Amino acid sequence: MLLQLSAEGLLTEKYKLKIKTEKIMKVLVNDCYGGYGISVEAGKLWLERKGIKYDIYDDRYNLIVYIDGESHNINHYISRTDETFIEIFEEKGSEFVSGMHAELALEEIPDACEYDIHEYDGSEYISSTWIKITLDELKNGLSGDRLEMAQKVSCIKLV
């Protein structure tokens, strides 16, 4: 059942939403105590697939590289939602991509939403997903796409 805001801002029952094929976003999280980390081998493979030229500064425990003269820890350089790294994860598995004291796992959330990662002693999970809406959108009612997205997330932030 879909609840939609009327022009007066009151919630009214409108119609049932026909769910389209949902787009999802994949997010990497650490699924064990320890901490999020990417293996040296997976970091090097990602850099090669992206065609990024780099020099290794340190690769004993974490991959630290120089890219365009600046040093980067690969754990912070690769986005948790990077499509190329997600492909590597799906091809090679968690054991290959996970760094020391990590066990990476994929979580799926609605595409185009924002998210919070909750962490306790290094173990992580996505604690909330949200979209931002304006006061005008709230007053005038959400468009079809925005309304559909609002139904999929756990929170709505009013901005």
C-alpha atoms as a PDB file:
ATOM      1  CA  MET A   1       0.000   0.000   0.000  1.00  0.00           C
ATOM      2  CA  LEU A   2       1.294   3.442  -0.903  1.00  0.00           C
ATOM      3  CA  LEU A   3       0.759   6.492   1.239  1.00  0.00           C
ATOM      4  CA  GLN A   4       1.144   9.748  -0.635  1.00  0.00           C
ATOM      5  CA  LEU A   5       1.200  13.335   0.560  1.00  0.00           C
ATOM      6  CA  SER A   6      -1.761  15.344  -0.688  1.00  0.00           C
ATOM      7  CA  ALA A   7      -1.459  19.019  -1.639  1.00  0.00           C
ATOM      8  CA  GLU A   8      -2.516  19.900   1.919  1.00  0.00           C
ATOM      9  CA  GLY A   9       0.335  17.807   3.327  1.00  0.00           C
ATOM     10  CA  LEU A  10      -1.935  15.135   4.848  1.00  0.00           C
ATOM     11  CA  LEU A  11      -1.224  11.454   4.339  1.00  0.00           C
ATOM     12  CA  THR A  12      -3.878   9.792   2.191  1.00  0.00           C
ATOM     13  CA  GLU A  13      -4.151   6.277   0.800  1.00  0.00           C
ATOM     14  CA  LYS A  14      -3.705   6.649  -2.951  1.00  0.00           C
ATOM     15  CA  TYR A  15      -2.911   3.405  -4.766  1.00  0.00           C
ATOM     16  CA  LYS A  16      -0.676   0.383  -4.709  1.00  0.00           C
ATOM     17  CA  LEU A  17       2.693   0.922  -6.283  1.00  0.00           C
ATOM     18  CA  LYS A  18       3.736  -1.439  -9.026  1.00  0.00           C
ATOM     19  CA  ILE A  19       7.355  -2.146  -8.176  1.00  0.00           C
ATOM     20  CA  LYS A  20       9.642  -1.945 -11.198  1.00  0.00           C
ATOM     21  CA  THR A  21      12.809  -3.932 -11.471  1.00  0.00           C
ATOM     22  CA  GLU A  22      14.748  -2.380  -8.638  1.00  0.00           C
ATOM     23  CA  LYS A  23      18.193  -0.954  -9.190  1.00  0.00           C
ATOM     24  CA  ILE A  24      20.511  -1.751  -6.343  1.00  0.00           C
ATOM     25  CA  MET A  25      23.801  -0.377  -5.130  1.00  0.00           C
ATOM     26  CA  LYS A  26      26.398  -2.784  -3.791  1.00  0.00           C
ATOM     27  CA  VAL A  27      28.453  -1.662  -0.800  1.00  0.00           C
ATOM     28  CA  LEU A  28      31.459  -3.457   0.694  1.00  0.00           C
ATOM     29  CA  VAL A  29      31.555  -3.793   4.489  1.00  0.00           C
ATOM     30  CA  ASN A  30      33.742  -5.738   6.898  1.00  0.00           C
ATOM     31  CA  ASP A  31      31.850  -8.740   8.264  1.00  0.00           C
ATOM     32  CA  CYS A  32      34.132  -9.667  11.175  1.00  0.00           C
ATOM     33  CA  TYR A  33      35.871  -8.080  14.126  1.00  0.00           C
ATOM     34  CA  GLY A  34      39.111  -6.402  13.127  1.00  0.00           C
ATOM     35  CA  GLY A  35      38.531  -3.672  10.569  1.00  0.00           C
ATOM     36  CA  TYR A  36      37.837  -2.861   6.944  1.00  0.00           C
ATOM     37  CA  GLY A  37      40.854  -3.589   4.794  1.00  0.00           C
ATOM     38  CA  ILE A  38      41.751  -4.462   1.220  1.00  0.00           C
ATOM     39  CA  SER A  39      44.446  -7.022   0.412  1.00  0.00           C
ATOM     40  CA  VAL A  40      47.620  -5.894  -1.292  1.00  0.00           C
ATOM     41  CA  GLU A  41      46.937  -8.247  -4.228  1.00  0.00           C
ATOM     42  CA  ALA A  42      43.388  -6.957  -4.734  1.00  0.00           C
ATOM     43  CA  GLY A  43      44.596  -3.363  -4.569  1.00  0.00           C
ATOM     44  CA  LYS A  44      47.227  -3.990  -7.241  1.00  0.00           C
ATOM     45  CA  LEU A  45      44.682  -5.777  -9.466  1.00  0.00           C
ATOM     46  CA  TRP A  46      42.272  -2.845  -9.104  1.00  0.00           C
ATOM     47  CA  LEU A  47      44.983  -0.341 -10.042  1.00  0.00           C
ATOM     48  CA  GLU A  48      45.887  -2.430 -13.112  1.00  0.00           C
ATOM     49  CA  ARG A  49      42.258  -2.762 -14.251  1.00  0.00           C
ATOM     50  CA  LYS A  50      41.710   0.967 -13.839  1.00  0.00           C
ATOM     51  CA  GLY A  51      44.897   1.687 -15.784  1.00  0.00           C
ATOM     52  CA  ILE A  52      46.269   3.846 -12.970  1.00  0.00           C
ATOM     53  CA  LYS A  53      50.036   4.313 -12.992  1.00  0.00           C
ATOM     54  CA  TYR A  54      51.515   3.973  -9.524  1.00  0.00           C
ATOM     55  CA  ASP A  55      54.698   3.373  -7.588  1.00  0.00           C
ATOM     56  CA  ILE A  56      54.682   1.181  -4.492  1.00  0.00           C
ATOM     57  CA  TYR A  57      55.734   2.908  -1.305  1.00  0.00           C
ATOM     58  CA  ASP A  58      54.905   0.045   1.077  1.00  0.00           C
ATOM     59  CA  ASP A  59      53.148  -3.271   0.513  1.00  0.00           C
ATOM     60  CA  ARG A  60      53.938  -5.307   3.619  1.00  0.00           C
ATOM     61  CA  TYR A  61      50.537  -5.092   5.339  1.00  0.00           C
ATOM     62  CA  ASN A  62      48.636  -2.356   3.518  1.00  0.00           C
ATOM     63  CA  LEU A  63      49.186  -1.158   0.000  1.00  0.00           C
ATOM     64  CA  ILE A  64      50.522   2.391   0.114  1.00  0.00           C
ATOM     65  CA  VAL A  65      51.155   3.799  -3.363  1.00  0.00           C
ATOM     66  CA  TYR A  66      52.242   7.007  -5.026  1.00  0.00           C
ATOM     67  CA  ILE A  67      49.807   8.213  -7.663  1.00  0.00           C
ATOM     68  CA  ASP A  68      50.717  11.447  -9.439  1.00  0.00           C
ATOM     69  CA  GLY A  69      53.296  12.190  -6.733  1.00  0.00           C
ATOM     70  CA  GLU A  70      50.898  11.786  -3.784  1.00  0.00           C
ATOM     71  CA  SER A  71      50.851   8.845  -1.379  1.00  0.00           C
ATOM     72  CA  HIS A  72      47.582   6.959  -0.880  1.00  0.00           C
ATOM     73  CA  ASN A  73      46.542   4.089   1.368  1.00  0.00           C
ATOM     74  CA  ILE A  74      44.549   1.883  -0.992  1.00  0.00           C
ATOM     75  CA  ASN A  75      42.057   1.112   1.813  1.00  0.00           C
ATOM     76  CA  HIS A  76      40.907   4.735   1.687  1.00  0.00           C
ATOM     77  CA  TYR A  77      41.489   5.343  -2.018  1.00  0.00           C
ATOM     78  CA  ILE A  78      39.035   2.762  -3.382  1.00  0.00           C
ATOM     79  CA  SER A  79      35.376   3.565  -2.788  1.00  0.00           C
ATOM     80  CA  ARG A  80      33.266   0.896  -1.099  1.00  0.00           C
ATOM     81  CA  THR A  81      30.881   1.148  -4.069  1.00  0.00           C
ATOM     82  CA  ASP A  82      33.510   1.159  -6.845  1.00  0.00           C
ATOM     83  CA  GLU A  83      32.124  -1.008  -9.663  1.00  0.00           C
ATOM     84  CA  THR A  84      35.532  -2.333 -10.741  1.00  0.00           C
ATOM     85  CA  PHE A  85      36.429  -3.382  -7.208  1.00  0.00           C
ATOM     86  CA  ILE A  86      32.988  -4.979  -6.732  1.00  0.00           C
ATOM     87  CA  GLU A  87      33.630  -6.987  -9.936  1.00  0.00           C
ATOM     88  CA  ILE A  88      36.964  -8.149  -8.511  1.00  0.00           C
ATOM     89  CA  PHE A  89      35.194  -9.139  -5.274  1.00  0.00           C
ATOM     90  CA  GLU A  90      32.558 -11.120  -7.194  1.00  0.00           C
ATOM     91  CA  GLU A  91      35.178 -12.818  -9.400  1.00  0.00           C
ATOM     92  CA  LYS A  92      37.833 -13.609  -6.809  1.00  0.00           C
ATOM     93  CA  GLY A  93      35.867 -13.823  -3.556  1.00  0.00           C
ATOM     94  CA  SER A  94      36.167 -12.379  -0.088  1.00  0.00           C
ATOM     95  CA  GLU A  95      39.328 -14.247   0.854  1.00  0.00           C
ATOM     96  CA  PHE A  96      41.268 -12.699  -2.051  1.00  0.00           C
ATOM     97  CA  VAL A  97      40.093  -9.100  -1.597  1.00  0.00           C
ATOM     98  CA  SER A  98      40.033  -8.932   2.208  1.00  0.00           C
ATOM     99  CA  GLY A  99      43.001  -7.411   3.963  1.00  0.00           C
ATOM    100  CA  MET A 100      44.534  -8.524   7.225  1.00  0.00           C
ATOM    101  CA  HIS A 101      41.910  -8.838  10.006  1.00  0.00           C
ATOM    102  CA  ALA A 102      39.068  -8.304   7.507  1.00  0.00           C
ATOM    103  CA  GLU A 103      36.363 -10.401   5.909  1.00  0.00           C
ATOM    104  CA  LEU A 104      34.701  -8.235   3.278  1.00  0.00           C
ATOM    105  CA  ALA A 105      31.087  -8.827   2.314  1.00  0.00           C
ATOM    106  CA  LEU A 106      28.620  -7.164  -0.056  1.00  0.00           C
ATOM    107  CA  GLU A 107      25.444  -5.508   1.157  1.00  0.00           C
ATOM    108  CA  GLU A 108      22.790  -4.365  -1.287  1.00  0.00           C
ATOM    109  CA  ILE A 109      20.777  -1.192  -0.815  1.00  0.00           C
ATOM    110  CA  PRO A 110      18.475   0.870  -3.046  1.00  0.00           C
ATOM    111  CA  ASP A 111      20.437   2.684  -5.754  1.00  0.00           C
ATOM    112  CA  ALA A 112      20.963   6.440  -5.465  1.00  0.00           C
ATOM    113  CA  CYS A 113      20.332   6.628  -1.727  1.00  0.00           C
ATOM    114  CA  GLU A 114      22.780   7.616   0.967  1.00  0.00           C
ATOM    115  CA  TYR A 115      23.779   5.281   3.770  1.00  0.00           C
ATOM    116  CA  ASP A 116      25.412   5.024   7.188  1.00  0.00           C
ATOM    117  CA  ILE A 117      27.802   2.250   8.155  1.00  0.00           C
ATOM    118  CA  HIS A 118      27.717   1.244  11.813  1.00  0.00           C
ATOM    119  CA  GLU A 119      30.922  -0.260  13.180  1.00  0.00           C
ATOM    120  CA  TYR A 120      31.672  -2.074  16.417  1.00  0.00           C
ATOM    121  CA  ASP A 121      35.213  -3.381  16.965  1.00  0.00           C
ATOM    122  CA  GLY A 122      35.722  -3.370  13.213  1.00  0.00           C
ATOM    123  CA  SER A 123      32.604  -5.398  12.342  1.00  0.00           C
ATOM    124  CA  GLU A 124      30.320  -3.321  10.109  1.00  0.00           C
ATOM    125  CA  TYR A 125      26.802  -3.218   8.727  1.00  0.00           C
ATOM    126  CA  ILE A 126      24.659  -0.648   6.958  1.00  0.00           C
ATOM    127  CA  SER A 127      22.538   0.807   9.737  1.00  0.00           C
ATOM    128  CA  SER A 128      20.351   3.148   7.705  1.00  0.00           C
ATOM    129  CA  THR A 129      19.602   4.298   4.195  1.00  0.00           C
ATOM    130  CA  TRP A 130      18.053   7.628   3.354  1.00  0.00           C
ATOM    131  CA  ILE A 131      17.149  10.259   0.811  1.00  0.00           C
ATOM    132  CA  LYS A 132      16.955  14.001   1.308  1.00  0.00           C
ATOM    133  CA  ILE A 133      13.754  15.859   0.522  1.00  0.00           C
ATOM    134  CA  THR A 134      12.966  19.545   0.696  1.00  0.00           C
ATOM    135  CA  LEU A 135      10.143  21.209   2.595  1.00  0.00           C
ATOM    136  CA  ASP A 136       8.575  22.159  -0.767  1.00  0.00           C
ATOM    137  CA  GLU A 137       8.578  18.505  -1.853  1.00  0.00           C
ATOM    138  CA  LEU A 138       6.943  17.606   1.449  1.00  0.00           C
ATOM    139  CA  LYS A 139       4.253  20.271   1.005  1.00  0.00           C
ATOM    140  CA  ASN A 140       3.558  19.601  -2.669  1.00  0.00           C
ATOM    141  CA  GLY A 141       3.933  15.826  -2.698  1.00  0.00           C
ATOM    142  CA  LEU A 142       6.773  13.745  -4.042  1.00  0.00           C
ATOM    143  CA  SER A 143       7.062  12.907  -7.736  1.00  0.00           C
ATOM    144  CA  GLY A 144       6.590   9.276  -8.719  1.00  0.00           C
ATOM    145  CA  ASP A 145      10.308   8.395  -8.747  1.00  0.00           C
ATOM    146  CA  ARG A 146      11.020  10.243  -5.496  1.00  0.00           C
ATOM    147  CA  LEU A 147       8.012   8.621  -3.839  1.00  0.00           C
ATOM    148  CA  GLU A 148       9.143   5.185  -4.966  1.00  0.00           C
ATOM    149  CA  MET A 149      12.625   5.842  -3.565  1.00  0.00           C
ATOM    150  CA  ALA A 150      11.169   7.112  -0.274  1.00  0.00           C
ATOM    151  CA  GLN A 151       9.419   3.774   0.177  1.00  0.00           C
ATOM    152  CA  LYS A 152      12.662   1.824  -0.217  1.00  0.00           C
ATOM    153  CA  VAL A 153      14.839   3.639   2.297  1.00  0.00           C
ATOM    154  CA  SER A 154      14.759   3.481   6.084  1.00  0.00           C
ATOM    155  CA  CYS A 155      14.879   7.280   6.670  1.00  0.00           C
ATOM    156  CA  ILE A 156      13.992  10.539   5.014  1.00  0.00           C
ATOM    157  CA  LYS A 157      16.033  13.621   5.875  1.00  0.00           C
ATOM    158  CA  LEU A 158      14.264  16.939   5.555  1.00  0.00           C
ATOM    159  CA  VAL A 159      16.588  19.669   4.231  1.00  0.00           C
END
